[in-house]
């Protein structure tokens, strides 16, 4: 792949899994993705990370909740395309005491918990 007015890199894909082969996959949206780079810590890793960054738009659209992750491990770069989803689940009932006096009633109020999870695109 060639980057205009910059360095050139050659990548090889292996063990590619297509979206249609993944059970319960999501459909990608037209939003611009967030980019997450993990373990690009060496001098060469910084250079490759900057090259990968240049391939994606610099203004991600956070409303779309789309994430592209690159993970470097032992000279292999793993690529994942996700969408994060926020779910609210009710937790155990929490006792709520009012401050009006000793004759006041205790109420059990459900406590909500927000959980983030990832849905795989490809």
PDB file of N, CA and C in Angstrom:
ATOM      1  N   UNK A   1       0.852  -1.159   0.000  1.00  0.00           N
ATOM      2  CA  UNK A   1       0.000   0.000   0.000  1.00  0.00           C
ATOM      3  C   UNK A   1       0.899   1.223   0.000  1.00  0.00           C
ATOM      4  N   UNK A   2       0.545   2.225  -0.713  1.00  0.00           N
ATOM      5  CA  UNK A   2       1.340   3.443  -0.765  1.00  0.00           C
ATOM      6  C   UNK A   2       0.596   4.604  -0.131  1.00  0.00           C
ATOM      7  N   UNK A   3       1.303   5.380   0.636  1.00  0.00           N
ATOM      8  CA  UNK A   3       0.723   6.568   1.255  1.00  0.00           C
ATOM      9  C   UNK A   3       1.245   7.767   0.466  1.00  0.00           C
ATOM     10  N   UNK A   4       0.373   8.679   0.023  1.00  0.00           N
ATOM     11  CA  UNK A   4       0.833   9.815  -0.772  1.00  0.00           C
ATOM     12  C   UNK A   4       1.899  10.625  -0.034  1.00  0.00           C
ATOM     13  N   UNK A   5       2.964  10.940  -0.723  1.00  0.00           N
ATOM     14  CA  UNK A   5       4.061  11.751  -0.174  1.00  0.00           C
ATOM     15  C   UNK A   5       4.608  11.197   1.132  1.00  0.00           C
ATOM     16  N   UNK A   6       4.703   9.884   1.250  1.00  0.00           N
ATOM     17  CA  UNK A   6       5.217   9.314   2.492  1.00  0.00           C
ATOM     18  C   UNK A   6       5.760   7.922   2.270  1.00  0.00           C
ATOM     19  N   UNK A   7       6.009   7.207   3.357  1.00  0.00           N
ATOM     20  CA  UNK A   7       6.585   5.860   3.259  1.00  0.00           C
ATOM     21  C   UNK A   7       5.594   4.861   2.670  1.00  0.00           C
ATOM     22  N   UNK A   8       6.112   3.737   2.264  1.00  0.00           N
ATOM     23  CA  UNK A   8       5.307   2.668   1.700  1.00  0.00           C
ATOM     24  C   UNK A   8       5.426   1.445   2.604  1.00  0.00           C
ATOM     25  N   UNK A   9       4.338   0.721   2.788  1.00  0.00           N
ATOM     26  CA  UNK A   9       4.353  -0.477   3.629  1.00  0.00           C
ATOM     27  C   UNK A   9       3.650  -1.602   2.882  1.00  0.00           C
ATOM     28  N   UNK A  10       4.047  -2.817   3.193  1.00  0.00           N
ATOM     29  CA  UNK A  10       3.451  -3.996   2.575  1.00  0.00           C
ATOM     30  C   UNK A  10       2.926  -4.880   3.700  1.00  0.00           C
ATOM     31  N   UNK A  11       1.627  -5.201   3.662  1.00  0.00           N
ATOM     32  CA  UNK A  11       1.016  -6.047   4.681  1.00  0.00           C
ATOM     33  C   UNK A  11       0.440  -7.283   4.016  1.00  0.00           C
ATOM     34  N   UNK A  12       0.418  -8.392   4.751  1.00  0.00           N
ATOM     35  CA  UNK A  12      -0.143  -9.648   4.263  1.00  0.00           C
ATOM     36  C   UNK A  12      -1.283 -10.045   5.206  1.00  0.00           C
ATOM     37  N   UNK A  13      -2.437 -10.372   4.651  1.00  0.00           N
ATOM     38  CA  UNK A  13      -3.570 -10.818   5.461  1.00  0.00           C
ATOM     39  C   UNK A  13      -3.523 -12.327   5.615  1.00  0.00           C
ATOM     40  N   UNK A  14      -3.751 -12.804   6.831  1.00  0.00           N
ATOM     41  CA  UNK A  14      -3.833 -14.237   7.069  1.00  0.00           C
ATOM     42  C   UNK A  14      -4.981 -14.512   8.032  1.00  0.00           C
ATOM     43  N   UNK A  15      -5.578 -15.667   7.928  1.00  0.00           N
ATOM     44  CA  UNK A  15      -6.705 -16.088   8.765  1.00  0.00           C
ATOM     45  C   UNK A  15      -7.829 -15.065   8.755  1.00  0.00           C
ATOM     46  N   UNK A  16      -8.178 -14.605   7.570  1.00  0.00           N
ATOM     47  CA  UNK A  16      -9.231 -13.613   7.399  1.00  0.00           C
ATOM     48  C   UNK A  16     -10.595 -14.262   7.600  1.00  0.00           C
ATOM     49  N   UNK A  17     -11.425 -13.642   8.432  1.00  0.00           N
ATOM     50  CA  UNK A  17     -12.797 -14.100   8.652  1.00  0.00           C
ATOM     51  C   UNK A  17     -13.724 -12.994   8.156  1.00  0.00           C
ATOM     52  N   UNK A  18     -14.573 -13.320   7.203  1.00  0.00           N
ATOM     53  CA  UNK A  18     -15.491 -12.341   6.647  1.00  0.00           C
ATOM     54  C   UNK A  18     -16.697 -12.146   7.553  1.00  0.00           C
ATOM     55  N   UNK A  19     -17.323 -11.001   7.420  1.00  0.00           N
ATOM     56  CA  UNK A  19     -18.461 -10.646   8.263  1.00  0.00           C
ATOM     57  C   UNK A  19     -19.583 -11.670   8.155  1.00  0.00           C
ATOM     58  N   UNK A  20     -19.847 -12.172   6.960  1.00  0.00           N
ATOM     59  CA  UNK A  20     -20.940 -13.123   6.764  1.00  0.00           C
ATOM     60  C   UNK A  20     -20.688 -14.455   7.469  1.00  0.00           C
ATOM     61  N   UNK A  21     -19.424 -14.746   7.825  1.00  0.00           N
ATOM     62  CA  UNK A  21     -19.081 -15.993   8.506  1.00  0.00           C
ATOM     63  C   UNK A  21     -19.153 -15.880  10.027  1.00  0.00           C
ATOM     64  N   UNK A  22     -19.426 -14.693  10.557  1.00  0.00           N
ATOM     65  CA  UNK A  22     -19.490 -14.472  11.998  1.00  0.00           C
ATOM     66  C   UNK A  22     -20.953 -14.500  12.427  1.00  0.00           C
ATOM     67  N   UNK A  23     -21.271 -15.315  13.429  1.00  0.00           N
ATOM     68  CA  UNK A  23     -22.648 -15.392  13.917  1.00  0.00           C
ATOM     69  C   UNK A  23     -22.995 -14.107  14.666  1.00  0.00           C
ATOM     70  N   UNK A  24     -24.213 -13.659  14.531  1.00  0.00           N
ATOM     71  CA  UNK A  24     -24.736 -12.467  15.222  1.00  0.00           C
ATOM     72  C   UNK A  24     -23.895 -11.219  14.966  1.00  0.00           C
ATOM     73  N   UNK A  25     -23.371 -11.077  13.767  1.00  0.00           N
ATOM     74  CA  UNK A  25     -22.563  -9.901  13.443  1.00  0.00           C
ATOM     75  C   UNK A  25     -23.466  -8.699  13.253  1.00  0.00           C
ATOM     76  N   UNK A  26     -22.890  -7.521  13.440  1.00  0.00           N
ATOM     77  CA  UNK A  26     -23.620  -6.286  13.201  1.00  0.00           C
ATOM     78  C   UNK A  26     -23.333  -5.763  11.811  1.00  0.00           C
ATOM     79  N   UNK A  27     -24.156  -4.864  11.361  1.00  0.00           N
ATOM     80  CA  UNK A  27     -23.928  -4.235  10.065  1.00  0.00           C
ATOM     81  C   UNK A  27     -23.238  -2.897  10.281  1.00  0.00           C
ATOM     82  N   UNK A  28     -22.180  -2.606   9.526  1.00  0.00           N
ATOM     83  CA  UNK A  28     -21.468  -1.352   9.718  1.00  0.00           C
ATOM     84  C   UNK A  28     -22.325  -0.154   9.314  1.00  0.00           C
ATOM     85  N   UNK A  29     -22.088   0.952   9.983  1.00  0.00           N
ATOM     86  CA  UNK A  29     -22.788   2.187   9.674  1.00  0.00           C
ATOM     87  C   UNK A  29     -21.863   3.095   8.876  1.00  0.00           C
ATOM     88  N   UNK A  30     -22.377   4.205   8.414  1.00  0.00           N
ATOM     89  CA  UNK A  30     -21.568   5.124   7.613  1.00  0.00           C
ATOM     90  C   UNK A  30     -20.790   6.111   8.487  1.00  0.00           C
ATOM     91  N   UNK A  31     -20.860   5.981   9.810  1.00  0.00           N
ATOM     92  CA  UNK A  31     -20.134   6.885  10.706  1.00  0.00           C
ATOM     93  C   UNK A  31     -18.630   6.670  10.591  1.00  0.00           C
ATOM     94  N   UNK A  32     -17.873   7.711  10.849  1.00  0.00           N
ATOM     95  CA  UNK A  32     -16.416   7.599  10.849  1.00  0.00           C
ATOM     96  C   UNK A  32     -15.976   6.943  12.158  1.00  0.00           C
ATOM     97  N   UNK A  33     -15.070   5.956  12.100  1.00  0.00           N
ATOM     98  CA  UNK A  33     -14.741   5.190  13.305  1.00  0.00           C
ATOM     99  C   UNK A  33     -13.701   5.862  14.198  1.00  0.00           C
ATOM    100  N   UNK A  34     -13.740   5.459  15.473  1.00  0.00           N
ATOM    101  CA  UNK A  34     -12.649   5.755  16.401  1.00  0.00           C
ATOM    102  C   UNK A  34     -11.540   4.771  16.084  1.00  0.00           C
ATOM    103  N   UNK A  35     -10.314   5.152  16.349  1.00  0.00           N
ATOM    104  CA  UNK A  35      -9.177   4.276  16.090  1.00  0.00           C
ATOM    105  C   UNK A  35      -8.477   3.974  17.403  1.00  0.00           C
ATOM    106  N   UNK A  36      -8.261   2.687  17.688  1.00  0.00           N
ATOM    107  CA  UNK A  36      -7.565   2.267  18.899  1.00  0.00           C
ATOM    108  C   UNK A  36      -6.333   1.483  18.470  1.00  0.00           C
ATOM    109  N   UNK A  37      -5.170   1.943  18.902  1.00  0.00           N
ATOM    110  CA  UNK A  37      -3.906   1.260  18.617  1.00  0.00           C
ATOM    111  C   UNK A  37      -3.339   0.743  19.928  1.00  0.00           C
ATOM    112  N   UNK A  38      -3.117  -0.579  20.019  1.00  0.00           N
ATOM    113  CA  UNK A  38      -2.592  -1.194  21.235  1.00  0.00           C
ATOM    114  C   UNK A  38      -1.218  -1.789  20.976  1.00  0.00           C
ATOM    115  N   UNK A  39      -0.307  -1.543  21.896  1.00  0.00           N
ATOM    116  CA  UNK A  39       1.013  -2.169  21.926  1.00  0.00           C
ATOM    117  C   UNK A  39       1.907  -1.751  20.751  1.00  0.00           C
ATOM    118  N   UNK A  40       1.772  -0.542  20.296  1.00  0.00           N
ATOM    119  CA  UNK A  40       2.696   0.013  19.293  1.00  0.00           C
ATOM    120  C   UNK A  40       3.699   0.898  20.045  1.00  0.00           C
ATOM    121  N   UNK A  41       4.535   0.291  20.885  1.00  0.00           N
ATOM    122  CA  UNK A  41       5.356   1.050  21.828  1.00  0.00           C
ATOM    123  C   UNK A  41       6.804   1.244  21.394  1.00  0.00           C
ATOM    124  N   UNK A  42       7.295   0.415  20.491  1.00  0.00           N
ATOM    125  CA  UNK A  42       8.684   0.560  20.066  1.00  0.00           C
ATOM    126  C   UNK A  42       8.811   1.695  19.055  1.00  0.00           C
ATOM    127  N   UNK A  43      10.037   2.008  18.687  1.00  0.00           N
ATOM    128  CA  UNK A  43      10.255   3.064  17.700  1.00  0.00           C
ATOM    129  C   UNK A  43       9.610   2.714  16.356  1.00  0.00           C
ATOM    130  N   UNK A  44       9.789   1.463  15.937  1.00  0.00           N
ATOM    131  CA  UNK A  44       9.143   1.008  14.706  1.00  0.00           C
ATOM    132  C   UNK A  44       7.626   0.951  14.888  1.00  0.00           C
ATOM    133  N   UNK A  45       7.170   0.556  16.069  1.00  0.00           N
ATOM    134  CA  UNK A  45       5.739   0.511  16.353  1.00  0.00           C
ATOM    135  C   UNK A  45       5.092   1.880  16.240  1.00  0.00           C
ATOM    136  N   UNK A  46       5.781   2.920  16.734  1.00  0.00           N
ATOM    137  CA  UNK A  46       5.266   4.288  16.601  1.00  0.00           C
ATOM    138  C   UNK A  46       5.121   4.662  15.127  1.00  0.00           C
ATOM    139  N   UNK A  47       6.116   4.287  14.344  1.00  0.00           N
ATOM    140  CA  UNK A  47       6.094   4.621  12.919  1.00  0.00           C
ATOM    141  C   UNK A  47       4.958   3.909  12.193  1.00  0.00           C
ATOM    142  N   UNK A  48       4.780   2.612  12.474  1.00  0.00           N
ATOM    143  CA  UNK A  48       3.693   1.859  11.851  1.00  0.00           C
ATOM    144  C   UNK A  48       2.340   2.378  12.338  1.00  0.00           C
ATOM    145  N   UNK A  49       2.239   2.718  13.609  1.00  0.00           N
ATOM    146  CA  UNK A  49       1.000   3.271  14.148  1.00  0.00           C
ATOM    147  C   UNK A  49       0.619   4.579  13.478  1.00  0.00           C
ATOM    148  N   UNK A  50       1.595   5.436  13.251  1.00  0.00           N
ATOM    149  CA  UNK A  50       1.324   6.702  12.551  1.00  0.00           C
ATOM    150  C   UNK A  50       0.887   6.442  11.113  1.00  0.00           C
ATOM    151  N   UNK A  51       1.468   5.422  10.471  1.00  0.00           N
ATOM    152  CA  UNK A  51       1.072   5.080   9.107  1.00  0.00           C
ATOM    153  C   UNK A  51      -0.381   4.600   9.082  1.00  0.00           C
ATOM    154  N   UNK A  52      -0.760   3.754  10.055  1.00  0.00           N
ATOM    155  CA  UNK A  52      -2.140   3.274  10.132  1.00  0.00           C
ATOM    156  C   UNK A  52      -3.087   4.430  10.417  1.00  0.00           C
ATOM    157  N   UNK A  53      -2.689   5.351  11.287  1.00  0.00           N
ATOM    158  CA  UNK A  53      -3.530   6.511  11.605  1.00  0.00           C
ATOM    159  C   UNK A  53      -3.805   7.359  10.377  1.00  0.00           C
ATOM    160  N   UNK A  54      -2.835   7.437   9.494  1.00  0.00           N
ATOM    161  CA  UNK A  54      -3.009   8.280   8.311  1.00  0.00           C
ATOM    162  C   UNK A  54      -4.047   7.713   7.335  1.00  0.00           C
ATOM    163  N   UNK A  55      -4.405   6.442   7.489  1.00  0.00           N
ATOM    164  CA  UNK A  55      -5.385   5.818   6.601  1.00  0.00           C
ATOM    165  C   UNK A  55      -6.824   6.085   7.027  1.00  0.00           C
ATOM    166  N   UNK A  56      -7.013   6.599   8.252  1.00  0.00           N
ATOM    167  CA  UNK A  56      -8.345   6.829   8.791  1.00  0.00           C
ATOM    168  C   UNK A  56      -8.590   8.317   8.984  1.00  0.00           C
ATOM    169  N   UNK A  57      -9.845   8.755   8.920  1.00  0.00           N
ATOM    170  CA  UNK A  57     -10.145  10.178   9.121  1.00  0.00           C
ATOM    171  C   UNK A  57      -9.780  10.614  10.542  1.00  0.00           C
ATOM    172  N   UNK A  58      -9.339  11.856  10.672  1.00  0.00           N
ATOM    173  CA  UNK A  58      -8.891  12.350  11.965  1.00  0.00           C
ATOM    174  C   UNK A  58     -10.018  12.922  12.813  1.00  0.00           C
ATOM    175  N   UNK A  59     -11.235  12.922  12.294  1.00  0.00           N
ATOM    176  CA  UNK A  59     -12.378  13.433  13.056  1.00  0.00           C
ATOM    177  C   UNK A  59     -13.433  12.339  13.191  1.00  0.00           C
ATOM    178  N   UNK A  60     -13.253  11.427  14.175  1.00  0.00           N
ATOM    179  CA  UNK A  60     -14.215  10.335  14.325  1.00  0.00           C
ATOM    180  C   UNK A  60     -15.578  10.861  14.748  1.00  0.00           C
ATOM    181  N   UNK A  61     -16.614  10.142  14.370  1.00  0.00           N
ATOM    182  CA  UNK A  61     -17.972  10.496  14.739  1.00  0.00           C
ATOM    183  C   UNK A  61     -18.368   9.605  15.913  1.00  0.00           C
ATOM    184  N   UNK A  62     -18.360  10.159  17.131  1.00  0.00           N
ATOM    185  CA  UNK A  62     -18.589   9.361  18.326  1.00  0.00           C
ATOM    186  C   UNK A  62     -20.055   8.954  18.494  1.00  0.00           C
ATOM    187  N   UNK A  63     -20.950   9.558  17.730  1.00  0.00           N
ATOM    188  CA  UNK A  63     -22.359   9.168  17.815  1.00  0.00           C
ATOM    189  C   UNK A  63     -22.579   7.776  17.249  1.00  0.00           C
ATOM    190  N   UNK A  64     -21.755   7.388  16.294  1.00  0.00           N
ATOM    191  CA  UNK A  64     -21.924   6.095  15.655  1.00  0.00           C
ATOM    192  C   UNK A  64     -21.414   4.937  16.477  1.00  0.00           C
ATOM    193  N   UNK A  65     -20.592   5.192  17.481  1.00  0.00           N
ATOM    194  CA  UNK A  65     -20.046   4.165  18.377  1.00  0.00           C
ATOM    195  C   UNK A  65     -19.295   3.074  17.610  1.00  0.00           C
ATOM    196  N   UNK A  66     -18.610   3.477  16.551  1.00  0.00           N
ATOM    197  CA  UNK A  66     -17.853   2.540  15.728  1.00  0.00           C
ATOM    198  C   UNK A  66     -16.388   2.601  16.127  1.00  0.00           C
ATOM    199  N   UNK A  67     -15.740   1.454  16.276  1.00  0.00           N
ATOM    200  CA  UNK A  67     -14.349   1.378  16.724  1.00  0.00           C
ATOM    201  C   UNK A  67     -13.574   0.438  15.809  1.00  0.00           C
ATOM    202  N   UNK A  68     -12.393   0.865  15.408  1.00  0.00           N
ATOM    203  CA  UNK A  68     -11.466   0.010  14.674  1.00  0.00           C
ATOM    204  C   UNK A  68     -10.246  -0.164  15.562  1.00  0.00           C
ATOM    205  N   UNK A  69      -9.902  -1.426  15.887  1.00  0.00           N
ATOM    206  CA  UNK A  69      -8.809  -1.720  16.805  1.00  0.00           C
ATOM    207  C   UNK A  69      -7.688  -2.430  16.068  1.00  0.00           C
ATOM    208  N   UNK A  70      -6.468  -1.958  16.266  1.00  0.00           N
ATOM    209  CA  UNK A  70      -5.268  -2.620  15.774  1.00  0.00           C
ATOM    210  C   UNK A  70      -4.438  -2.999  16.995  1.00  0.00           C
ATOM    211  N   UNK A  71      -4.060  -4.273  17.088  1.00  0.00           N
ATOM    212  CA  UNK A  71      -3.291  -4.770  18.227  1.00  0.00           C
ATOM    213  C   UNK A  71      -2.008  -5.412  17.718  1.00  0.00           C
ATOM    214  N   UNK A  72      -0.867  -4.934  18.189  1.00  0.00           N
ATOM    215  CA  UNK A  72       0.430  -5.429  17.756  1.00  0.00           C
ATOM    216  C   UNK A  72       0.938  -6.454  18.765  1.00  0.00           C
ATOM    217  N   UNK A  73       1.268  -7.659  18.272  1.00  0.00           N
ATOM    218  CA  UNK A  73       1.824  -8.697  19.138  1.00  0.00           C
ATOM    219  C   UNK A  73       2.767  -9.566  18.327  1.00  0.00           C
ATOM    220  N   UNK A  74       4.025  -9.581  18.704  1.00  0.00           N
ATOM    221  CA  UNK A  74       5.051 -10.409  18.060  1.00  0.00           C
ATOM    222  C   UNK A  74       5.100 -10.225  16.547  1.00  0.00           C
ATOM    223  N   UNK A  75       5.167  -9.003  16.104  1.00  0.00           N
ATOM    224  CA  UNK A  75       5.254  -8.645  14.687  1.00  0.00           C
ATOM    225  C   UNK A  75       4.017  -9.039  13.881  1.00  0.00           C
ATOM    226  N   UNK A  76       2.905  -9.293  14.547  1.00  0.00           N
ATOM    227  CA  UNK A  76       1.624  -9.490  13.889  1.00  0.00           C
ATOM    228  C   UNK A  76       0.708  -8.364  14.332  1.00  0.00           C
ATOM    229  N   UNK A  77      -0.083  -7.846  13.411  1.00  0.00           N
ATOM    230  CA  UNK A  77      -1.044  -6.794  13.739  1.00  0.00           C
ATOM    231  C   UNK A  77      -2.435  -7.392  13.580  1.00  0.00           C
ATOM    232  N   UNK A  78      -3.148  -7.479  14.701  1.00  0.00           N
ATOM    233  CA  UNK A  78      -4.508  -8.010  14.694  1.00  0.00           C
ATOM    234  C   UNK A  78      -5.468  -6.847  14.507  1.00  0.00           C
ATOM    235  N   UNK A  79      -6.469  -7.060  13.670  1.00  0.00           N
ATOM    236  CA  UNK A  79      -7.420  -6.020  13.294  1.00  0.00           C
ATOM    237  C   UNK A  79      -8.824  -6.465  13.655  1.00  0.00           C
ATOM    238  N   UNK A  80      -9.570  -5.590  14.320  1.00  0.00           N
ATOM    239  CA  UNK A  80     -10.971  -5.867  14.642  1.00  0.00           C
ATOM    240  C   UNK A  80     -11.797  -4.617  14.396  1.00  0.00           C
ATOM    241  N   UNK A  81     -13.002  -4.833  13.967  1.00  0.00           N
ATOM    242  CA  UNK A  81     -13.937  -3.742  13.708  1.00  0.00           C
ATOM    243  C   UNK A  81     -15.156  -4.000  14.595  1.00  0.00           C
ATOM    244  N   UNK A  82     -15.425  -3.088  15.539  1.00  0.00           N
ATOM    245  CA  UNK A  82     -16.491  -3.286  16.505  1.00  0.00           C
ATOM    246  C   UNK A  82     -17.442  -2.102  16.531  1.00  0.00           C
ATOM    247  N   UNK A  83     -18.563  -2.325  17.166  1.00  0.00           N
ATOM    248  CA  UNK A  83     -19.468  -1.247  17.549  1.00  0.00           C
ATOM    249  C   UNK A  83     -19.737  -1.459  19.027  1.00  0.00           C
ATOM    250  N   UNK A  84     -19.603  -0.404  19.830  1.00  0.00           N
ATOM    251  CA  UNK A  84     -19.901  -0.610  21.244  1.00  0.00           C
ATOM    252  C   UNK A  84     -21.335  -0.212  21.534  1.00  0.00           C
ATOM    253  N   UNK A  85     -21.929  -0.977  22.430  1.00  0.00           N
ATOM    254  CA  UNK A  85     -23.332  -0.853  22.764  1.00  0.00           C
ATOM    255  C   UNK A  85     -23.441  -0.623  24.267  1.00  0.00           C
ATOM    256  N   UNK A  86     -24.292   0.307  24.671  1.00  0.00           N
ATOM    257  CA  UNK A  86     -24.538   0.545  26.086  1.00  0.00           C
ATOM    258  C   UNK A  86     -25.873  -0.078  26.456  1.00  0.00           C
ATOM    259  N   UNK A  87     -25.870  -0.913  27.486  1.00  0.00           N
ATOM    260  CA  UNK A  87     -27.084  -1.536  27.975  1.00  0.00           C
ATOM    261  C   UNK A  87     -27.289  -1.146  29.430  1.00  0.00           C
ATOM    262  N   UNK A  88     -28.522  -0.891  29.804  1.00  0.00           N
ATOM    263  CA  UNK A  88     -28.818  -0.627  31.209  1.00  0.00           C
ATOM    264  C   UNK A  88     -29.553  -1.840  31.758  1.00  0.00           C
ATOM    265  N   UNK A  89     -29.022  -2.351  32.851  1.00  0.00           N
ATOM    266  CA  UNK A  89     -29.623  -3.508  33.505  1.00  0.00           C
ATOM    267  C   UNK A  89     -29.947  -3.132  34.937  1.00  0.00           C
ATOM    268  N   UNK A  90     -31.048  -3.669  35.410  1.00  0.00           N
ATOM    269  CA  UNK A  90     -31.421  -3.402  36.789  1.00  0.00           C
ATOM    270  C   UNK A  90     -30.642  -4.336  37.696  1.00  0.00           C
ATOM    271  N   UNK A  91     -30.068  -3.768  38.757  1.00  0.00           N
ATOM    272  CA  UNK A  91     -29.345  -4.529  39.758  1.00  0.00           C
ATOM    273  C   UNK A  91     -30.286  -4.909  40.886  1.00  0.00           C
ATOM    274  N   UNK A  92     -29.731  -5.359  41.963  1.00  0.00           N
ATOM    275  CA  UNK A  92     -30.514  -5.707  43.137  1.00  0.00           C
ATOM    276  C   UNK A  92     -31.268  -4.487  43.644  1.00  0.00           C
ATOM    277  N   UNK A  93     -32.324  -4.746  44.365  1.00  0.00           N
ATOM    278  CA  UNK A  93     -33.086  -3.654  44.952  1.00  0.00           C
ATOM    279  C   UNK A  93     -32.304  -3.057  46.104  1.00  0.00           C
ATOM    280  N   UNK A  94     -32.233  -1.729  46.152  1.00  0.00           N
ATOM    281  CA  UNK A  94     -31.491  -1.021  47.180  1.00  0.00           C
ATOM    282  C   UNK A  94     -32.493  -0.329  48.083  1.00  0.00           C
ATOM    283  N   UNK A  95     -32.304  -0.485  49.394  1.00  0.00           N
ATOM    284  CA  UNK A  95     -33.224   0.151  50.334  1.00  0.00           C
ATOM    285  C   UNK A  95     -32.930   1.634  50.416  1.00  0.00           C
ATOM    286  N   UNK A  96     -33.970   2.426  50.331  1.00  0.00           N
ATOM    287  CA  UNK A  96     -33.846   3.876  50.385  1.00  0.00           C
ATOM    288  C   UNK A  96     -34.605   4.370  51.610  1.00  0.00           C
ATOM    289  N   UNK A  97     -33.900   5.042  52.531  1.00  0.00           N
ATOM    290  CA  UNK A  97     -34.522   5.559  53.746  1.00  0.00           C
ATOM    291  C   UNK A  97     -34.745   7.049  53.577  1.00  0.00           C
ATOM    292  N   UNK A  98     -35.932   7.495  53.896  1.00  0.00           N
ATOM    293  CA  UNK A  98     -36.185   8.933  53.835  1.00  0.00           C
ATOM    294  C   UNK A  98     -35.801   9.565  55.166  1.00  0.00           C
ATOM    295  N   UNK A  99     -35.500  10.844  55.169  1.00  0.00           N
ATOM    296  CA  UNK A  99     -34.991  11.544  56.351  1.00  0.00           C
ATOM    297  C   UNK A  99     -36.090  12.275  57.117  1.00  0.00           C
ATOM    298  N   UNK A 100     -37.342  11.880  56.947  1.00  0.00           N
ATOM    299  CA  UNK A 100     -38.440  12.618  57.560  1.00  0.00           C
ATOM    300  C   UNK A 100     -38.639  12.270  59.029  1.00  0.00           C
ATOM    301  N   UNK A 101     -38.271  11.118  59.460  1.00  0.00           N
ATOM    302  CA  UNK A 101     -38.455  10.756  60.862  1.00  0.00           C
ATOM    303  C   UNK A 101     -38.504   9.255  61.032  1.00  0.00           C
ATOM    304  N   UNK A 102     -38.760   8.817  62.293  1.00  0.00           N
ATOM    305  CA  UNK A 102     -38.719   7.384  62.523  1.00  0.00           C
ATOM    306  C   UNK A 102     -39.976   6.656  62.049  1.00  0.00           C
ATOM    307  N   UNK A 103     -41.057   7.385  61.759  1.00  0.00           N
ATOM    308  CA  UNK A 103     -42.274   6.763  61.261  1.00  0.00           C
ATOM    309  C   UNK A 103     -42.272   6.629  59.733  1.00  0.00           C
ATOM    310  N   UNK A 104     -41.205   7.062  59.084  1.00  0.00           N
ATOM    311  CA  UNK A 104     -41.173   7.035  57.614  1.00  0.00           C
ATOM    312  C   UNK A 104     -40.987   5.607  57.108  1.00  0.00           C
ATOM    313  N   UNK A 105     -41.449   5.376  55.903  1.00  0.00           N
ATOM    314  CA  UNK A 105     -41.386   4.050  55.297  1.00  0.00           C
ATOM    315  C   UNK A 105     -40.075   3.870  54.549  1.00  0.00           C
ATOM    316  N   UNK A 106     -39.575   2.650  54.528  1.00  0.00           N
ATOM    317  CA  UNK A 106     -38.394   2.326  53.741  1.00  0.00           C
ATOM    318  C   UNK A 106     -38.864   1.797  52.388  1.00  0.00           C
ATOM    319  N   UNK A 107     -38.279   2.302  51.334  1.00  0.00           N
ATOM    320  CA  UNK A 107     -38.645   1.886  49.990  1.00  0.00           C
ATOM    321  C   UNK A 107     -37.501   1.109  49.369  1.00  0.00           C
ATOM    322  N   UNK A 108     -37.847   0.155  48.550  1.00  0.00           N
ATOM    323  CA  UNK A 108     -36.827  -0.581  47.799  1.00  0.00           C
ATOM    324  C   UNK A 108     -36.856  -0.064  46.370  1.00  0.00           C
ATOM    325  N   UNK A 109     -35.735   0.526  45.949  1.00  0.00           N
ATOM    326  CA  UNK A 109     -35.632   1.149  44.635  1.00  0.00           C
ATOM    327  C   UNK A 109     -34.656   0.331  43.792  1.00  0.00           C
ATOM    328  N   UNK A 110     -35.043  -0.062  42.554  1.00  0.00           N
ATOM    329  CA  UNK A 110     -34.099  -0.790  41.707  1.00  0.00           C
ATOM    330  C   UNK A 110     -32.960   0.127  41.271  1.00  0.00           C
ATOM    331  N   UNK A 111     -31.747  -0.384  41.383  1.00  0.00           N
ATOM    332  CA  UNK A 111     -30.561   0.379  40.982  1.00  0.00           C
ATOM    333  C   UNK A 111     -30.175  -0.044  39.573  1.00  0.00           C
ATOM    334  N   UNK A 112     -29.993   0.930  38.677  1.00  0.00           N
ATOM    335  CA  UNK A 112     -29.627   0.618  37.296  1.00  0.00           C
ATOM    336  C   UNK A 112     -28.120   0.621  37.138  1.00  0.00           C
ATOM    337  N   UNK A 113     -27.630  -0.270  36.303  1.00  0.00           N
ATOM    338  CA  UNK A 113     -26.204  -0.392  36.028  1.00  0.00           C
ATOM    339  C   UNK A 113     -26.018  -0.336  34.518  1.00  0.00           C
ATOM    340  N   UNK A 114     -25.120   0.517  34.046  1.00  0.00           N
ATOM    341  CA  UNK A 114     -24.851   0.633  32.616  1.00  0.00           C
ATOM    342  C   UNK A 114     -23.647  -0.228  32.266  1.00  0.00           C
ATOM    343  N   UNK A 115     -23.830  -1.083  31.282  1.00  0.00           N
ATOM    344  CA  UNK A 115     -22.779  -1.997  30.845  1.00  0.00           C
ATOM    345  C   UNK A 115     -22.446  -1.696  29.393  1.00  0.00           C
ATOM    346  N   UNK A 116     -21.169  -1.640  29.086  1.00  0.00           N
ATOM    347  CA  UNK A 116     -20.732  -1.466  27.696  1.00  0.00           C
ATOM    348  C   UNK A 116     -20.248  -2.814  27.181  1.00  0.00           C
ATOM    349  N   UNK A 117     -20.663  -3.170  25.981  1.00  0.00           N
ATOM    350  CA  UNK A 117     -20.169  -4.391  25.371  1.00  0.00           C
ATOM    351  C   UNK A 117     -19.899  -4.141  23.893  1.00  0.00           C
ATOM    352  N   UNK A 118     -19.152  -5.044  23.283  1.00  0.00           N
ATOM    353  CA  UNK A 118     -18.752  -4.882  21.894  1.00  0.00           C
ATOM    354  C   UNK A 118     -19.529  -5.852  21.001  1.00  0.00           C
ATOM    355  N   UNK A 119     -19.924  -5.358  19.834  1.00  0.00           N
ATOM    356  CA  UNK A 119     -20.535  -6.196  18.804  1.00  0.00           C
ATOM    357  C   UNK A 119     -19.577  -6.213  17.624  1.00  0.00           C
ATOM    358  N   UNK A 120     -19.269  -7.395  17.128  1.00  0.00           N
ATOM    359  CA  UNK A 120     -18.273  -7.543  16.072  1.00  0.00           C
ATOM    360  C   UNK A 120     -18.875  -7.236  14.722  1.00  0.00           C
ATOM    361  N   UNK A 121     -18.165  -6.429  13.923  1.00  0.00           N
ATOM    362  CA  UNK A 121     -18.514  -6.201  12.519  1.00  0.00           C
ATOM    363  C   UNK A 121     -17.745  -7.188  11.658  1.00  0.00           C
ATOM    364  N   UNK A 122     -16.431  -7.166  11.822  1.00  0.00           N
ATOM    365  CA  UNK A 122     -15.596  -8.039  11.014  1.00  0.00           C
ATOM    366  C   UNK A 122     -14.321  -8.334  11.738  1.00  0.00           C
TER     367      UNK A 122
END
